[in-house]
Amino acid sequence: MITLHMGGIPETAMVLGPVFLIIAFIRIARRNEANVSDDEDDWDADLGDLPNK
């Protein structure tokens, strides 16, 4: 345990862990944003639409 601590493994994990989490969240957000249709950008897109006849 002391040899692992002296090697800096816990410190590296404390630094790299949050960085990898942030990168993962950004990738998930970009992937989900790419799948959204253009109609979703406008929160009231159907407000002024005429009914289909």
PDB file of N, CA and C in Angstrom:
ATOM      1  N   MET A   1       0.831  -1.195   0.000  1.00  0.00           N
ATOM      2  CA  MET A   1       0.000   0.000   0.000  1.00  0.00           C
ATOM      3  C   MET A   1       0.871   1.252   0.000  1.00  0.00           C
ATOM      4  N   ILE A   2       1.937   1.238   0.802  1.00  0.00           N
ATOM      5  CA  ILE A   2       2.823   2.398   0.863  1.00  0.00           C
ATOM      6  C   ILE A   2       3.540   2.584  -0.475  1.00  0.00           C
ATOM      7  N   THR A   3       3.923   1.479  -1.118  1.00  0.00           N
ATOM      8  CA  THR A   3       4.619   1.603  -2.410  1.00  0.00           C
ATOM      9  C   THR A   3       3.685   2.160  -3.479  1.00  0.00           C
ATOM     10  N   LEU A   4       2.410   1.784  -3.439  1.00  0.00           N
ATOM     11  CA  LEU A   4       1.455   2.349  -4.398  1.00  0.00           C
ATOM     12  C   LEU A   4       1.255   3.837  -4.149  1.00  0.00           C
ATOM     13  N   HIS A   5       1.208   4.215  -2.885  1.00  0.00           N
ATOM     14  CA  HIS A   5       1.003   5.616  -2.562  1.00  0.00           C
ATOM     15  C   HIS A   5       2.226   6.451  -2.945  1.00  0.00           C
ATOM     16  N   MET A   6       3.386   5.892  -2.757  1.00  0.00           N
ATOM     17  CA  MET A   6       4.601   6.630  -3.101  1.00  0.00           C
ATOM     18  C   MET A   6       4.731   6.792  -4.615  1.00  0.00           C
ATOM     19  N   GLY A   7       4.112   5.898  -5.363  1.00  0.00           N
ATOM     20  CA  GLY A   7       4.168   5.981  -6.816  1.00  0.00           C
ATOM     21  C   GLY A   7       3.244   7.027  -7.392  1.00  0.00           C
ATOM     22  N   GLY A   8       2.336   7.545  -6.610  1.00  0.00           N
ATOM     23  CA  GLY A   8       1.452   8.595  -7.074  1.00  0.00           C
ATOM     24  C   GLY A   8       0.191   8.102  -7.748  1.00  0.00           C
ATOM     25  N   ILE A   9      -0.150   6.839  -7.597  1.00  0.00           N
ATOM     26  CA  ILE A   9      -1.353   6.301  -8.246  1.00  0.00           C
ATOM     27  C   ILE A   9      -2.625   6.952  -7.691  1.00  0.00           C
ATOM     28  N   PRO A  10      -2.792   7.101  -6.372  1.00  0.00           N
ATOM     29  CA  PRO A  10      -4.016   7.762  -5.892  1.00  0.00           C
ATOM     30  C   PRO A  10      -4.118   9.220  -6.346  1.00  0.00           C
ATOM     31  N   GLU A  11      -2.994   9.919  -6.362  1.00  0.00           N
ATOM     32  CA  GLU A  11      -3.032  11.309  -6.803  1.00  0.00           C
ATOM     33  C   GLU A  11      -3.388  11.405  -8.276  1.00  0.00           C
ATOM     34  N   THR A  12      -2.856  10.507  -9.067  1.00  0.00           N
ATOM     35  CA  THR A  12      -3.168  10.488 -10.496  1.00  0.00           C
ATOM     36  C   THR A  12      -4.649  10.190 -10.711  1.00  0.00           C
ATOM     37  N   ALA A  13      -5.186   9.256  -9.949  1.00  0.00           N
ATOM     38  CA  ALA A  13      -6.600   8.916 -10.078  1.00  0.00           C
ATOM     39  C   ALA A  13      -7.487  10.088  -9.662  1.00  0.00           C
ATOM     40  N   MET A  14      -7.077  10.821  -8.634  1.00  0.00           N
ATOM     41  CA  MET A  14      -7.881  11.969  -8.188  1.00  0.00           C
ATOM     42  C   MET A  14      -7.884  13.076  -9.230  1.00  0.00           C
ATOM     43  N   VAL A  15      -6.830  13.190 -10.003  1.00  0.00           N
ATOM     44  CA  VAL A  15      -6.759  14.230 -11.026  1.00  0.00           C
ATOM     45  C   VAL A  15      -7.435  13.772 -12.320  1.00  0.00           C
ATOM     46  N   LEU A  16      -7.127  12.569 -12.756  1.00  0.00           N
ATOM     47  CA  LEU A  16      -7.627  12.102 -14.048  1.00  0.00           C
ATOM     48  C   LEU A  16      -9.084  11.642 -14.001  1.00  0.00           C
ATOM     49  N   GLY A  17      -9.561  11.181 -12.859  1.00  0.00           N
ATOM     50  CA  GLY A  17     -10.942  10.707 -12.753  1.00  0.00           C
ATOM     51  C   GLY A  17     -11.960  11.762 -13.147  1.00  0.00           C
ATOM     52  N   PRO A  18     -11.945  12.928 -12.515  1.00  0.00           N
ATOM     53  CA  PRO A  18     -12.902  13.973 -12.901  1.00  0.00           C
ATOM     54  C   PRO A  18     -12.718  14.459 -14.340  1.00  0.00           C
ATOM     55  N   VAL A  19     -11.479  14.484 -14.808  1.00  0.00           N
ATOM     56  CA  VAL A  19     -11.244  14.906 -16.196  1.00  0.00           C
ATOM     57  C   VAL A  19     -11.913  13.929 -17.158  1.00  0.00           C
ATOM     58  N   PHE A  20     -11.748  12.635 -16.918  1.00  0.00           N
ATOM     59  CA  PHE A  20     -12.377  11.646 -17.787  1.00  0.00           C
ATOM     60  C   PHE A  20     -13.898  11.699 -17.688  1.00  0.00           C
ATOM     61  N   LEU A  21     -14.449  11.989 -16.512  1.00  0.00           N
ATOM     62  CA  LEU A  21     -15.897  12.123 -16.373  1.00  0.00           C
ATOM     63  C   LEU A  21     -16.422  13.303 -17.184  1.00  0.00           C
ATOM     64  N   ILE A  22     -15.738  14.420 -17.129  1.00  0.00           N
ATOM     65  CA  ILE A  22     -16.160  15.597 -17.894  1.00  0.00           C
ATOM     66  C   ILE A  22     -16.108  15.302 -19.390  1.00  0.00           C
ATOM     67  N   ILE A  23     -15.054  14.645 -19.831  1.00  0.00           N
ATOM     68  CA  ILE A  23     -14.950  14.289 -21.253  1.00  0.00           C
ATOM     69  C   ILE A  23     -16.079  13.352 -21.656  1.00  0.00           C
ATOM     70  N   ALA A  24     -16.409  12.390 -20.807  1.00  0.00           N
ATOM     71  CA  ALA A  24     -17.496  11.455 -21.115  1.00  0.00           C
ATOM     72  C   ALA A  24     -18.835  12.181 -21.199  1.00  0.00           C
ATOM     73  N   PHE A  25     -19.112  13.103 -20.271  1.00  0.00           N
ATOM     74  CA  PHE A  25     -20.377  13.838 -20.308  1.00  0.00           C
ATOM     75  C   PHE A  25     -20.482  14.707 -21.550  1.00  0.00           C
ATOM     76  N   ILE A  26     -19.373  15.323 -21.954  1.00  0.00           N
ATOM     77  CA  ILE A  26     -19.392  16.161 -23.163  1.00  0.00           C
ATOM     78  C   ILE A  26     -19.649  15.304 -24.396  1.00  0.00           C
ATOM     79  N   ARG A  27     -19.040  14.135 -24.466  1.00  0.00           N
ATOM     80  CA  ARG A  27     -19.271  13.250 -25.617  1.00  0.00           C
ATOM     81  C   ARG A  27     -20.714  12.779 -25.679  1.00  0.00           C
ATOM     82  N   ILE A  28     -21.304  12.441 -24.517  1.00  0.00           N
ATOM     83  CA  ILE A  28     -22.703  12.004 -24.488  1.00  0.00           C
ATOM     84  C   ILE A  28     -23.617  13.147 -24.904  1.00  0.00           C
ATOM     85  N   ALA A  29     -23.341  14.349 -24.425  1.00  0.00           N
ATOM     86  CA  ALA A  29     -24.177  15.498 -24.778  1.00  0.00           C
ATOM     87  C   ALA A  29     -24.103  15.794 -26.264  1.00  0.00           C
ATOM     88  N   ARG A  30     -22.915  15.725 -26.845  1.00  0.00           N
ATOM     89  CA  ARG A  30     -22.784  15.977 -28.291  1.00  0.00           C
ATOM     90  C   ARG A  30     -23.474  14.898 -29.100  1.00  0.00           C
ATOM     91  N   ARG A  31     -23.393  13.655 -28.653  1.00  0.00           N
ATOM     92  CA  ARG A  31     -24.051  12.569 -29.375  1.00  0.00           C
ATOM     93  C   ARG A  31     -25.568  12.744 -29.330  1.00  0.00           C
ATOM     94  N   ASN A  32     -26.099  13.118 -28.173  1.00  0.00           N
ATOM     95  CA  ASN A  32     -27.547  13.319 -28.061  1.00  0.00           C
ATOM     96  C   ASN A  32     -27.993  14.547 -28.830  1.00  0.00           C
ATOM     97  N   GLU A  33     -27.177  15.581 -28.876  1.00  0.00           N
ATOM     98  CA  GLU A  33     -27.536  16.788 -29.612  1.00  0.00           C
ATOM     99  C   GLU A  33     -27.557  16.523 -31.112  1.00  0.00           C
ATOM    100  N   ALA A  34     -26.703  15.638 -31.588  1.00  0.00           N
ATOM    101  CA  ALA A  34     -26.676  15.311 -33.010  1.00  0.00           C
ATOM    102  C   ALA A  34     -27.918  14.545 -33.428  1.00  0.00           C
ATOM    103  N   ASN A  35     -28.559  13.833 -32.505  1.00  0.00           N
ATOM    104  CA  ASN A  35     -29.738  13.036 -32.831  1.00  0.00           C
ATOM    105  C   ASN A  35     -31.036  13.825 -32.725  1.00  0.00           C
ATOM    106  N   VAL A  36     -30.989  15.054 -32.243  1.00  0.00           N
ATOM    107  CA  VAL A  36     -32.201  15.851 -32.064  1.00  0.00           C
ATOM    108  C   VAL A  36     -32.588  16.467 -33.402  1.00  0.00           C
ATOM    109  N   SER A  37     -33.892  16.412 -33.709  1.00  0.00           N
ATOM    110  CA  SER A  37     -34.341  17.034 -34.956  1.00  0.00           C
ATOM    111  C   SER A  37     -34.387  18.550 -34.795  1.00  0.00           C
ATOM    112  N   ASP A  38     -34.454  19.242 -35.904  1.00  0.00           N
ATOM    113  CA  ASP A  38     -34.445  20.703 -35.880  1.00  0.00           C
ATOM    114  C   ASP A  38     -35.691  21.275 -35.213  1.00  0.00           C
ATOM    115  N   ASP A  39     -36.789  20.539 -35.212  1.00  0.00           N
ATOM    116  CA  ASP A  39     -38.033  21.015 -34.617  1.00  0.00           C
ATOM    117  C   ASP A  39     -37.899  21.175 -33.104  1.00  0.00           C
ATOM    118  N   GLU A  40     -37.024  20.428 -32.486  1.00  0.00           N
ATOM    119  CA  GLU A  40     -36.858  20.480 -31.038  1.00  0.00           C
ATOM    120  C   GLU A  40     -36.139  21.750 -30.584  1.00  0.00           C
ATOM    121  N   ASP A  41     -35.440  22.423 -31.495  1.00  0.00           N
ATOM    122  CA  ASP A  41     -34.732  23.641 -31.108  1.00  0.00           C
ATOM    123  C   ASP A  41     -35.687  24.754 -30.722  1.00  0.00           C
ATOM    124  N   ASP A  42     -36.854  24.783 -31.355  1.00  0.00           N
ATOM    125  CA  ASP A  42     -37.848  25.800 -31.073  1.00  0.00           C
ATOM    126  C   ASP A  42     -38.841  25.211 -30.079  1.00  0.00           C
ATOM    127  N   TRP A  43     -38.905  25.759 -28.878  1.00  0.00           N
ATOM    128  CA  TRP A  43     -39.703  25.132 -27.827  1.00  0.00           C
ATOM    129  C   TRP A  43     -41.204  25.218 -28.095  1.00  0.00           C
ATOM    130  N   ASP A  44     -41.646  26.162 -28.945  1.00  0.00           N
ATOM    131  CA  ASP A  44     -43.064  26.231 -29.303  1.00  0.00           C
ATOM    132  C   ASP A  44     -43.225  26.211 -30.817  1.00  0.00           C
ATOM    133  N   ALA A  45     -42.604  25.246 -31.470  1.00  0.00           N
ATOM    134  CA  ALA A  45     -42.583  25.184 -32.926  1.00  0.00           C
ATOM    135  C   ALA A  45     -43.973  24.974 -33.510  1.00  0.00           C
ATOM    136  N   ASP A  46     -44.874  24.287 -32.809  1.00  0.00           N
ATOM    137  CA  ASP A  46     -46.205  23.984 -33.341  1.00  0.00           C
ATOM    138  C   ASP A  46     -47.236  25.034 -32.955  1.00  0.00           C
ATOM    139  N   LEU A  47     -46.811  26.112 -32.332  1.00  0.00           N
ATOM    140  CA  LEU A  47     -47.755  27.088 -31.820  1.00  0.00           C
ATOM    141  C   LEU A  47     -48.543  27.765 -32.929  1.00  0.00           C
ATOM    142  N   GLY A  48     -47.904  28.175 -34.008  1.00  0.00           N
ATOM    143  CA  GLY A  48     -48.602  28.900 -35.068  1.00  0.00           C
ATOM    144  C   GLY A  48     -48.909  28.087 -36.286  1.00  0.00           C
ATOM    145  N   ASP A  49     -48.740  26.783 -36.227  1.00  0.00           N
ATOM    146  CA  ASP A  49     -48.978  25.942 -37.404  1.00  0.00           C
ATOM    147  C   ASP A  49     -50.473  25.813 -37.681  1.00  0.00           C
ATOM    148  N   LEU A  50     -50.797  25.790 -38.987  1.00  0.00           N
ATOM    149  CA  LEU A  50     -52.182  25.571 -39.394  1.00  0.00           C
ATOM    150  C   LEU A  50     -52.485  24.081 -39.346  1.00  0.00           C
ATOM    151  N   PRO A  51     -53.722  23.724 -39.043  1.00  0.00           N
ATOM    152  CA  PRO A  51     -54.069  22.285 -39.006  1.00  0.00           C
ATOM    153  C   PRO A  51     -54.042  21.689 -40.406  1.00  0.00           C
ATOM    154  N   ASN A  52     -53.721  20.400 -40.486  1.00  0.00           N
ATOM    155  CA  ASN A  52     -53.725  19.702 -41.776  1.00  0.00           C
ATOM    156  C   ASN A  52     -55.151  19.379 -42.182  1.00  0.00           C
ATOM    157  N   LYS A  53     -55.465  19.635 -43.459  1.00  0.00           N
ATOM    158  CA  LYS A  53     -56.835  19.340 -43.946  1.00  0.00           C
ATOM    159  C   LYS A  53     -56.808  18.256 -44.975  1.00  0.00           C
TER     160      LYS A  53
END
